[in-house]
Amino acid sequence: MDLNKLYFQHQIAVIQAANVNERRHRDCNRAKVDVLAREIEGIQAQLNARAANTWGGHWLPDGQWMPMSPAKSHDAA
């Protein structure tokens, strides 16, 4: 699958999950965010992309998604 399409779907899912008040729908949307993040992470890992290890994250108590910090570059000379 096209990574740009997955990035787009992930962002839409994050927005939807953050804007849903009913717990059942919010949990479903959060699960979708997690699945998309794992899919992106897997594709990036297959490509040996450095960003692969940054696709984790967690939900804050206020319902916002907090992505992991970007990986620091080890190539700085």
PDB file of N, CA and C in Angstrom:
ATOM      1  N   MET A   1       0.841  -1.178   0.000  1.00  0.00           N
ATOM      2  CA  MET A   1       0.000   0.000   0.000  1.00  0.00           C
ATOM      3  C   MET A   1       0.889   1.245   0.000  1.00  0.00           C
ATOM      4  N   ASP A   2       0.394   2.298  -0.582  1.00  0.00           N
ATOM      5  CA  ASP A   2       1.089   3.576  -0.650  1.00  0.00           C
ATOM      6  C   ASP A   2       1.201   4.186   0.753  1.00  0.00           C
ATOM      7  N   LEU A   3       2.416   4.496   1.170  1.00  0.00           N
ATOM      8  CA  LEU A   3       2.615   5.071   2.502  1.00  0.00           C
ATOM      9  C   LEU A   3       1.897   6.404   2.666  1.00  0.00           C
ATOM     10  N   ASN A   4       1.869   7.222   1.626  1.00  0.00           N
ATOM     11  CA  ASN A   4       1.171   8.505   1.746  1.00  0.00           C
ATOM     12  C   ASN A   4      -0.305   8.299   2.047  1.00  0.00           C
ATOM     13  N   LYS A   5      -0.894   7.284   1.438  1.00  0.00           N
ATOM     14  CA  LYS A   5      -2.306   6.989   1.706  1.00  0.00           C
ATOM     15  C   LYS A   5      -2.482   6.545   3.159  1.00  0.00           C
ATOM     16  N   LEU A   6      -1.564   5.729   3.645  1.00  0.00           N
ATOM     17  CA  LEU A   6      -1.627   5.291   5.043  1.00  0.00           C
ATOM     18  C   LEU A   6      -1.439   6.462   6.003  1.00  0.00           C
ATOM     19  N   TYR A   7      -0.500   7.360   5.695  1.00  0.00           N
ATOM     20  CA  TYR A   7      -0.310   8.548   6.537  1.00  0.00           C
ATOM     21  C   TYR A   7      -1.605   9.351   6.610  1.00  0.00           C
ATOM     22  N   PHE A   8      -2.239   9.540   5.455  1.00  0.00           N
ATOM     23  CA  PHE A   8      -3.492  10.295   5.389  1.00  0.00           C
ATOM     24  C   PHE A   8      -4.573   9.611   6.224  1.00  0.00           C
ATOM     25  N   GLN A   9      -4.725   8.292   6.036  1.00  0.00           N
ATOM     26  CA  GLN A   9      -5.739   7.547   6.783  1.00  0.00           C
ATOM     27  C   GLN A   9      -5.473   7.630   8.285  1.00  0.00           C
ATOM     28  N   HIS A  10      -4.203   7.567   8.672  1.00  0.00           N
ATOM     29  CA  HIS A  10      -3.836   7.646  10.081  1.00  0.00           C
ATOM     30  C   HIS A  10      -4.233   9.005  10.654  1.00  0.00           C
ATOM     31  N   GLN A  11      -3.929  10.076   9.946  1.00  0.00           N
ATOM     32  CA  GLN A  11      -4.268  11.410  10.439  1.00  0.00           C
ATOM     33  C   GLN A  11      -5.779  11.598  10.564  1.00  0.00           C
ATOM     34  N   ILE A  12      -6.527  11.116   9.585  1.00  0.00           N
ATOM     35  CA  ILE A  12      -7.990  11.201   9.649  1.00  0.00           C
ATOM     36  C   ILE A  12      -8.505  10.413  10.853  1.00  0.00           C
ATOM     37  N   ALA A  13      -7.956   9.221  11.071  1.00  0.00           N
ATOM     38  CA  ALA A  13      -8.388   8.393  12.199  1.00  0.00           C
ATOM     39  C   ALA A  13      -8.074   9.071  13.533  1.00  0.00           C
ATOM     40  N   VAL A  14      -6.912   9.723  13.636  1.00  0.00           N
ATOM     41  CA  VAL A  14      -6.557  10.443  14.866  1.00  0.00           C
ATOM     42  C   VAL A  14      -7.560  11.563  15.118  1.00  0.00           C
ATOM     43  N   ILE A  15      -7.881  12.321  14.077  1.00  0.00           N
ATOM     44  CA  ILE A  15      -8.845  13.420  14.209  1.00  0.00           C
ATOM     45  C   ILE A  15     -10.209  12.887  14.624  1.00  0.00           C
ATOM     46  N   GLN A  16     -10.648  11.815  13.977  1.00  0.00           N
ATOM     47  CA  GLN A  16     -11.955  11.239  14.304  1.00  0.00           C
ATOM     48  C   GLN A  16     -11.983  10.728  15.738  1.00  0.00           C
ATOM     49  N   ALA A  17     -10.929  10.048  16.154  1.00  0.00           N
ATOM     50  CA  ALA A  17     -10.885   9.502  17.514  1.00  0.00           C
ATOM     51  C   ALA A  17     -10.895  10.617  18.553  1.00  0.00           C
ATOM     52  N   ALA A  18     -10.248  11.721  18.251  1.00  0.00           N
ATOM     53  CA  ALA A  18     -10.189  12.836  19.200  1.00  0.00           C
ATOM     54  C   ALA A  18     -11.511  13.588  19.291  1.00  0.00           C
ATOM     55  N   ASN A  19     -12.358  13.455  18.280  1.00  0.00           N
ATOM     56  CA  ASN A  19     -13.600  14.229  18.232  1.00  0.00           C
ATOM     57  C   ASN A  19     -14.854  13.422  18.540  1.00  0.00           C
ATOM     58  N   VAL A  20     -14.698  12.182  18.977  1.00  0.00           N
ATOM     59  CA  VAL A  20     -15.849  11.330  19.270  1.00  0.00           C
ATOM     60  C   VAL A  20     -16.084  11.305  20.771  1.00  0.00           C
ATOM     61  N   ASN A  21     -17.317  11.536  21.175  1.00  0.00           N
ATOM     62  CA  ASN A  21     -17.638  11.542  22.603  1.00  0.00           C
ATOM     63  C   ASN A  21     -18.096  10.183  23.112  1.00  0.00           C
ATOM     64  N   GLU A  22     -18.778   9.411  22.286  1.00  0.00           N
ATOM     65  CA  GLU A  22     -19.297   8.115  22.724  1.00  0.00           C
ATOM     66  C   GLU A  22     -18.146   7.118  22.830  1.00  0.00           C
ATOM     67  N   ARG A  23     -17.991   6.538  24.010  1.00  0.00           N
ATOM     68  CA  ARG A  23     -16.851   5.667  24.288  1.00  0.00           C
ATOM     69  C   ARG A  23     -16.697   4.527  23.282  1.00  0.00           C
ATOM     70  N   ARG A  24     -17.789   3.894  22.918  1.00  0.00           N
ATOM     71  CA  ARG A  24     -17.729   2.751  22.002  1.00  0.00           C
ATOM     72  C   ARG A  24     -17.100   3.158  20.665  1.00  0.00           C
ATOM     73  N   HIS A  25     -17.535   4.293  20.126  1.00  0.00           N
ATOM     74  CA  HIS A  25     -16.998   4.764  18.849  1.00  0.00           C
ATOM     75  C   HIS A  25     -15.564   5.278  19.001  1.00  0.00           C
ATOM     76  N   ARG A  26     -15.287   5.915  20.129  1.00  0.00           N
ATOM     77  CA  ARG A  26     -13.939   6.422  20.380  1.00  0.00           C
ATOM     78  C   ARG A  26     -12.947   5.267  20.451  1.00  0.00           C
ATOM     79  N   ASP A  27     -13.313   4.204  21.169  1.00  0.00           N
ATOM     80  CA  ASP A  27     -12.429   3.047  21.289  1.00  0.00           C
ATOM     81  C   ASP A  27     -12.191   2.389  19.938  1.00  0.00           C
ATOM     82  N   CYS A  28     -13.229   2.328  19.118  1.00  0.00           N
ATOM     83  CA  CYS A  28     -13.103   1.762  17.776  1.00  0.00           C
ATOM     84  C   CYS A  28     -12.148   2.606  16.932  1.00  0.00           C
ATOM     85  N   ASN A  29     -12.294   3.925  16.994  1.00  0.00           N
ATOM     86  CA  ASN A  29     -11.415   4.810  16.233  1.00  0.00           C
ATOM     87  C   ASN A  29      -9.981   4.755  16.748  1.00  0.00           C
ATOM     88  N   ARG A  30      -9.820   4.642  18.052  1.00  0.00           N
ATOM     89  CA  ARG A  30      -8.469   4.527  18.610  1.00  0.00           C
ATOM     90  C   ARG A  30      -7.808   3.232  18.144  1.00  0.00           C
ATOM     91  N   ALA A  31      -8.575   2.170  18.093  1.00  0.00           N
ATOM     92  CA  ALA A  31      -8.034   0.900  17.613  1.00  0.00           C
ATOM     93  C   ALA A  31      -7.597   1.030  16.156  1.00  0.00           C
ATOM     94  N   LYS A  32      -8.379   1.758  15.372  1.00  0.00           N
ATOM     95  CA  LYS A  32      -8.026   1.976  13.965  1.00  0.00           C
ATOM     96  C   LYS A  32      -6.710   2.750  13.861  1.00  0.00           C
ATOM     97  N   VAL A  33      -6.533   3.760  14.709  1.00  0.00           N
ATOM     98  CA  VAL A  33      -5.282   4.528  14.735  1.00  0.00           C
ATOM     99  C   VAL A  33      -4.113   3.597  15.029  1.00  0.00           C
ATOM    100  N   ASP A  34      -4.278   2.742  16.026  1.00  0.00           N
ATOM    101  CA  ASP A  34      -3.211   1.823  16.413  1.00  0.00           C
ATOM    102  C   ASP A  34      -2.869   0.848  15.290  1.00  0.00           C
ATOM    103  N   VAL A  35      -3.881   0.317  14.613  1.00  0.00           N
ATOM    104  CA  VAL A  35      -3.656  -0.626  13.514  1.00  0.00           C
ATOM    105  C   VAL A  35      -2.910   0.057  12.372  1.00  0.00           C
ATOM    106  N   LEU A  36      -3.343   1.254  12.017  1.00  0.00           N
ATOM    107  CA  LEU A  36      -2.678   1.985  10.936  1.00  0.00           C
ATOM    108  C   LEU A  36      -1.231   2.312  11.304  1.00  0.00           C
ATOM    109  N   ALA A  37      -0.997   2.707  12.547  1.00  0.00           N
ATOM    110  CA  ALA A  37       0.370   3.011  12.988  1.00  0.00           C
ATOM    111  C   ALA A  37       1.257   1.778  12.889  1.00  0.00           C
ATOM    112  N   ARG A  38       0.740   0.624  13.306  1.00  0.00           N
ATOM    113  CA  ARG A  38       1.526  -0.614  13.214  1.00  0.00           C
ATOM    114  C   ARG A  38       1.800  -0.981  11.752  1.00  0.00           C
ATOM    115  N   GLU A  39       0.824  -0.752  10.883  1.00  0.00           N
ATOM    116  CA  GLU A  39       1.010  -1.051   9.461  1.00  0.00           C
ATOM    117  C   GLU A  39       2.088  -0.147   8.862  1.00  0.00           C
ATOM    118  N   ILE A  40       2.035   1.131   9.185  1.00  0.00           N
ATOM    119  CA  ILE A  40       3.049   2.073   8.699  1.00  0.00           C
ATOM    120  C   ILE A  40       4.420   1.679   9.238  1.00  0.00           C
ATOM    121  N   GLU A  41       4.472   1.375  10.522  1.00  0.00           N
ATOM    122  CA  GLU A  41       5.729   0.972  11.146  1.00  0.00           C
ATOM    123  C   GLU A  41       6.307  -0.266  10.461  1.00  0.00           C
ATOM    124  N   GLY A  42       5.447  -1.237  10.154  1.00  0.00           N
ATOM    125  CA  GLY A  42       5.900  -2.465   9.506  1.00  0.00           C
ATOM    126  C   GLY A  42       6.470  -2.219   8.120  1.00  0.00           C
ATOM    127  N   ILE A  43       5.794  -1.401   7.341  1.00  0.00           N
ATOM    128  CA  ILE A  43       6.282  -1.091   5.992  1.00  0.00           C
ATOM    129  C   ILE A  43       7.609  -0.346   6.074  1.00  0.00           C
ATOM    130  N   GLN A  44       7.685   0.628   6.968  1.00  0.00           N
ATOM    131  CA  GLN A  44       8.926   1.381   7.112  1.00  0.00           C
ATOM    132  C   GLN A  44      10.066   0.481   7.586  1.00  0.00           C
ATOM    133  N   ALA A  45       9.775  -0.453   8.469  1.00  0.00           N
ATOM    134  CA  ALA A  45      10.804  -1.374   8.950  1.00  0.00           C
ATOM    135  C   ALA A  45      11.316  -2.246   7.804  1.00  0.00           C
ATOM    136  N   GLN A  46      10.408  -2.694   6.941  1.00  0.00           N
ATOM    137  CA  GLN A  46      10.819  -3.495   5.782  1.00  0.00           C
ATOM    138  C   GLN A  46      11.731  -2.700   4.856  1.00  0.00           C
ATOM    139  N   LEU A  47      11.516  -1.399   4.812  1.00  0.00           N
ATOM    140  CA  LEU A  47      12.327  -0.519   3.965  1.00  0.00           C
ATOM    141  C   LEU A  47      13.569  -0.005   4.696  1.00  0.00           C
ATOM    142  N   ASN A  48      13.768  -0.473   5.930  1.00  0.00           N
ATOM    143  CA  ASN A  48      14.868  -0.009   6.780  1.00  0.00           C
ATOM    144  C   ASN A  48      14.844   1.501   6.983  1.00  0.00           C
ATOM    145  N   ALA A  49      13.665   2.055   7.062  1.00  0.00           N
ATOM    146  CA  ALA A  49      13.515   3.495   7.283  1.00  0.00           C
ATOM    147  C   ALA A  49      13.733   3.815   8.753  1.00  0.00           C
ATOM    148  N   ARG A  50      14.459   4.868   9.010  1.00  0.00           N
ATOM    149  CA  ARG A  50      14.748   5.259  10.393  1.00  0.00           C
ATOM    150  C   ARG A  50      13.491   5.648  11.147  1.00  0.00           C
ATOM    151  N   ALA A  51      12.499   6.148  10.443  1.00  0.00           N
ATOM    152  CA  ALA A  51      11.267   6.595  11.098  1.00  0.00           C
ATOM    153  C   ALA A  51      10.418   5.436  11.605  1.00  0.00           C
ATOM    154  N   ALA A  52      10.758   4.216  11.244  1.00  0.00           N
ATOM    155  CA  ALA A  52       9.937   3.061  11.619  1.00  0.00           C
ATOM    156  C   ALA A  52       9.731   2.958  13.127  1.00  0.00           C
ATOM    157  N   ASN A  53      10.736   3.319  13.900  1.00  0.00           N
ATOM    158  CA  ASN A  53      10.612   3.172  15.357  1.00  0.00           C
ATOM    159  C   ASN A  53       9.898   4.345  16.015  1.00  0.00           C
ATOM    160  N   THR A  54       9.345   5.269  15.233  1.00  0.00           N
ATOM    161  CA  THR A  54       8.654   6.421  15.815  1.00  0.00           C
ATOM    162  C   THR A  54       7.141   6.326  15.684  1.00  0.00           C
ATOM    163  N   TRP A  55       6.619   5.204  15.190  1.00  0.00           N
ATOM    164  CA  TRP A  55       5.187   5.118  14.934  1.00  0.00           C
ATOM    165  C   TRP A  55       4.378   4.639  16.118  1.00  0.00           C
ATOM    166  N   GLY A  56       5.010   4.524  17.251  1.00  0.00           N
ATOM    167  CA  GLY A  56       4.244   4.224  18.448  1.00  0.00           C
ATOM    168  C   GLY A  56       3.654   5.503  19.019  1.00  0.00           C
ATOM    169  N   GLY A  57       2.924   5.369  20.058  1.00  0.00           N
ATOM    170  CA  GLY A  57       2.342   6.523  20.711  1.00  0.00           C
ATOM    171  C   GLY A  57       1.371   6.057  21.775  1.00  0.00           C
ATOM    172  N   HIS A  58       0.700   6.998  22.386  1.00  0.00           N
ATOM    173  CA  HIS A  58      -0.293   6.636  23.394  1.00  0.00           C
ATOM    174  C   HIS A  58      -1.358   7.720  23.460  1.00  0.00           C
ATOM    175  N   TRP A  59      -2.468   7.349  24.052  1.00  0.00           N
ATOM    176  CA  TRP A  59      -3.588   8.274  24.209  1.00  0.00           C
ATOM    177  C   TRP A  59      -3.469   8.971  25.552  1.00  0.00           C
ATOM    178  N   LEU A  60      -3.574  10.289  25.538  1.00  0.00           N
ATOM    179  CA  LEU A  60      -3.564  11.072  26.769  1.00  0.00           C
ATOM    180  C   LEU A  60      -4.944  11.022  27.419  1.00  0.00           C
ATOM    181  N   PRO A  61      -5.034  11.294  28.723  1.00  0.00           N
ATOM    182  CA  PRO A  61      -6.333  11.262  29.403  1.00  0.00           C
ATOM    183  C   PRO A  61      -7.385  12.176  28.774  1.00  0.00           C
ATOM    184  N   ASP A  62      -6.941  13.254  28.125  1.00  0.00           N
ATOM    185  CA  ASP A  62      -7.909  14.166  27.502  1.00  0.00           C
ATOM    186  C   ASP A  62      -8.350  13.701  26.119  1.00  0.00           C
ATOM    187  N   GLY A  63      -7.890  12.510  25.701  1.00  0.00           N
ATOM    188  CA  GLY A  63      -8.327  11.948  24.431  1.00  0.00           C
ATOM    189  C   GLY A  63      -7.458  12.301  23.245  1.00  0.00           C
ATOM    190  N   GLN A  64      -6.357  12.983  23.476  1.00  0.00           N
ATOM    191  CA  GLN A  64      -5.466  13.350  22.379  1.00  0.00           C
ATOM    192  C   GLN A  64      -4.410  12.272  22.179  1.00  0.00           C
ATOM    193  N   TRP A  65      -4.002  12.079  20.923  1.00  0.00           N
ATOM    194  CA  TRP A  65      -2.964  11.110  20.567  1.00  0.00           C
ATOM    195  C   TRP A  65      -1.599  11.762  20.733  1.00  0.00           C
ATOM    196  N   MET A  66      -0.694  11.116  21.461  1.00  0.00           N
ATOM    197  CA  MET A  66       0.651  11.633  21.658  1.00  0.00           C
ATOM    198  C   MET A  66       1.629  10.695  20.957  1.00  0.00           C
ATOM    199  N   PRO A  67       2.117  11.090  19.766  1.00  0.00           N
ATOM    200  CA  PRO A  67       3.074  10.233  19.070  1.00  0.00           C
ATOM    201  C   PRO A  67       4.411  10.221  19.795  1.00  0.00           C
ATOM    202  N   MET A  68       5.199   9.189  19.502  1.00  0.00           N
ATOM    203  CA  MET A  68       6.540   9.119  20.064  1.00  0.00           C
ATOM    204  C   MET A  68       7.384  10.222  19.451  1.00  0.00           C
ATOM    205  N   SER A  69       8.431  10.592  20.144  1.00  0.00           N
ATOM    206  CA  SER A  69       9.352  11.596  19.616  1.00  0.00           C
ATOM    207  C   SER A  69      10.098  11.019  18.424  1.00  0.00           C
ATOM    208  N   PRO A  70      10.401  11.854  17.434  1.00  0.00           N
ATOM    209  CA  PRO A  70      11.178  11.368  16.288  1.00  0.00           C
ATOM    210  C   PRO A  70      12.530  10.847  16.733  1.00  0.00           C
ATOM    211  N   ALA A  71      13.022   9.844  16.024  1.00  0.00           N
ATOM    212  CA  ALA A  71      14.334   9.280  16.332  1.00  0.00           C
ATOM    213  C   ALA A  71      15.407  10.323  16.055  1.00  0.00           C
ATOM    214  N   LYS A  72      16.406  10.352  16.894  1.00  0.00           N
ATOM    215  CA  LYS A  72      17.506  11.294  16.688  1.00  0.00           C
ATOM    216  C   LYS A  72      18.448  10.731  15.633  1.00  0.00           C
ATOM    217  N   SER A  73      19.003  11.607  14.852  1.00  0.00           N
ATOM    218  CA  SER A  73      19.924  11.191  13.799  1.00  0.00           C
ATOM    219  C   SER A  73      21.247  10.753  14.412  1.00  0.00           C
ATOM    220  N   HIS A  74      21.749   9.625  13.931  1.00  0.00           N
ATOM    221  CA  HIS A  74      23.047   9.133  14.383  1.00  0.00           C
ATOM    222  C   HIS A  74      24.102   9.359  13.311  1.00  0.00           C
ATOM    223  N   ASP A  75      23.727  10.033  12.222  1.00  0.00           N
ATOM    224  CA  ASP A  75      24.642  10.250  11.108  1.00  0.00           C
ATOM    225  C   ASP A  75      25.336  11.600  11.169  1.00  0.00           C
ATOM    226  N   ALA A  76      25.069  12.355  12.202  1.00  0.00           N
ATOM    227  CA  ALA A  76      25.685  13.680  12.280  1.00  0.00           C
ATOM    228  C   ALA A  76      27.195  13.528  12.365  1.00  0.00           C
ATOM    229  N   ALA A  77      27.871  14.276  11.542  1.00  0.00           N
ATOM    230  CA  ALA A  77      29.335  14.151  11.512  1.00  0.00           C
ATOM    231  C   ALA A  77      29.978  15.343  12.177  1.00  0.00           C
TER     232      ALA A  77
END
